Amino acid sequence: MSKRKNDLTHWQEELDAIRKELMLLGPLHPGSLSQQYHACGNPACRCHHPTKPEKHGPYNKLTYVYRGKPVCRFVHPEHVEEIRPRLAAYKTLRALIDR
C-alpha cells in the first residue's frame, strides 16, 4: 500500500508541475514558418530568365492545420518576430500534453 501511495504522490506532483508550466505559456499558434520564393506571371520578368532566374521573395509563410485542412498564410516581415514565440509556445504545449 505504501508503494502505491508514493506512486500516486509522484504522479500528482508531476501533474502539478505540468499545470504550472501550462499557465506560463502565453499566446500560442500552431504551425511552422518558412521562407518561400516565387516566379510571377510576367514572362519578361527577371524571375523567368533562362539561365539566371531571380525569383521574388523571400516571403514568410505560416503553415498549419485548421479543422483538418491545411492552411497557408503569408506573414508580413514586421510580424515574423511576433509569431516565432507563439509557435515555440505551441510546440511546448504539445510536449507537455505528451508528457
Protein backbone atom coordinates (compact mmCIF):
# COMPACT_ATOMS: atom_id res chain seq x y z
CA MET A 1 0.00 0.00 0.00
CA SER A 2 2.86 2.39 0.79
CA LYS A 3 4.41 1.95 -2.68
CA ARG A 4 1.07 2.70 -4.32
CA LYS A 5 0.68 5.88 -2.26
CA ASN A 6 4.19 7.00 -3.25
CA ASP A 7 3.40 6.37 -6.93
CA LEU A 8 0.21 8.37 -6.64
CA THR A 9 2.06 11.22 -4.93
CA HIS A 10 4.72 11.18 -7.64
CA TRP A 11 2.14 11.42 -10.43
CA GLN A 12 0.22 14.15 -8.61
CA GLU A 13 3.43 16.19 -8.28
CA GLU A 14 4.17 15.60 -11.96
CA LEU A 15 0.69 16.84 -12.93
CA ASP A 16 1.06 19.91 -10.73
CA ALA A 17 4.40 20.73 -12.38
CA ILE A 18 2.84 20.39 -15.85
CA ARG A 19 -0.09 22.62 -14.85
CA LYS A 20 2.32 25.31 -13.66
CA GLU A 21 4.24 25.18 -16.95
CA LEU A 22 0.98 25.39 -18.92
CA MET A 23 -0.03 28.55 -17.06
CA LEU A 24 3.23 30.26 -18.11
CA LEU A 25 2.98 29.57 -21.85
CA GLY A 26 1.25 32.74 -23.03
CA PRO A 27 -0.08 33.21 -26.59
CA LEU A 28 0.04 30.12 -28.82
CA HIS A 29 -0.20 29.39 -32.53
CA PRO A 30 0.16 26.02 -34.26
CA GLY A 31 2.23 25.54 -37.37
CA SER A 32 5.60 26.30 -38.85
CA LEU A 33 7.18 29.28 -40.54
CA SER A 34 9.18 29.02 -43.76
CA GLN A 35 10.53 31.31 -46.44
CA GLN A 36 9.24 30.98 -49.99
CA TYR A 37 10.42 32.37 -53.33
CA HIS A 38 8.04 32.73 -56.27
CA ALA A 39 8.00 33.32 -60.01
CA CYS A 40 5.40 35.77 -61.26
CA GLY A 41 3.21 35.53 -64.35
CA ASN A 42 5.16 38.09 -66.40
CA PRO A 43 7.30 36.16 -68.94
CA ALA A 44 9.59 39.19 -69.39
CA CYS A 45 10.39 39.43 -65.66
CA ARG A 46 13.79 38.61 -64.15
CA CYS A 47 12.26 35.57 -62.43
CA HIS A 48 11.86 33.88 -65.85
CA HIS A 49 15.43 34.47 -67.06
CA PRO A 50 16.54 31.32 -68.96
CA THR A 51 19.95 30.92 -67.26
CA LYS A 52 19.91 33.01 -64.07
CA PRO A 53 16.35 33.38 -62.80
CA GLU A 54 15.95 35.65 -59.76
CA LYS A 55 12.71 34.70 -58.06
CA HIS A 56 10.69 37.14 -55.98
CA GLY A 57 10.99 36.88 -52.22
CA PRO A 58 11.67 35.75 -49.64
CA TYR A 59 8.11 35.66 -48.37
CA ASN A 60 7.39 34.35 -44.87
CA LYS A 61 4.78 31.61 -44.99
CA LEU A 62 2.93 30.22 -41.96
CA THR A 63 1.51 26.73 -42.50
CA TYR A 64 -0.81 24.89 -40.09
CA VAL A 65 -3.86 22.62 -39.98
CA TYR A 66 -7.26 24.08 -39.05
CA ARG A 67 -10.29 21.81 -38.70
CA GLY A 68 -8.48 19.07 -40.57
CA LYS A 69 -7.49 21.21 -43.55
CA PRO A 70 -4.07 22.69 -44.34
CA VAL A 71 -3.89 26.49 -44.17
CA CYS A 72 -1.14 28.74 -45.52
CA ARG A 73 -0.83 32.41 -44.63
CA PHE A 74 1.83 34.89 -45.61
CA VAL A 75 3.24 36.82 -42.67
CA HIS A 76 4.39 40.40 -43.13
CA PRO A 77 8.12 40.76 -42.25
CA GLU A 78 7.34 43.08 -39.33
CA HIS A 79 5.19 40.36 -37.69
CA VAL A 80 7.67 37.46 -38.01
CA GLU A 81 9.34 38.13 -34.65
CA GLU A 82 5.89 38.30 -33.03
CA ILE A 83 4.81 34.89 -34.37
CA ARG A 84 8.01 32.92 -33.58
CA PRO A 85 7.47 32.82 -29.76
CA ARG A 86 3.85 31.77 -30.31
CA LEU A 87 4.96 28.84 -32.47
CA ALA A 88 7.57 27.83 -29.87
CA ALA A 89 4.95 28.05 -27.09
CA TYR A 90 2.62 25.80 -29.07
CA LYS A 91 5.40 23.22 -29.51
CA THR A 92 6.00 23.37 -25.75
CA LEU A 93 2.25 22.82 -25.19
CA ARG A 94 2.31 19.71 -27.38
CA ALA A 95 5.34 18.36 -25.49
CA LEU A 96 3.63 18.96 -22.14
CA ILE A 97 0.49 17.20 -23.34
CA ASP A 98 2.58 14.21 -24.48
CA ARG A 99 4.34 14.15 -21.12
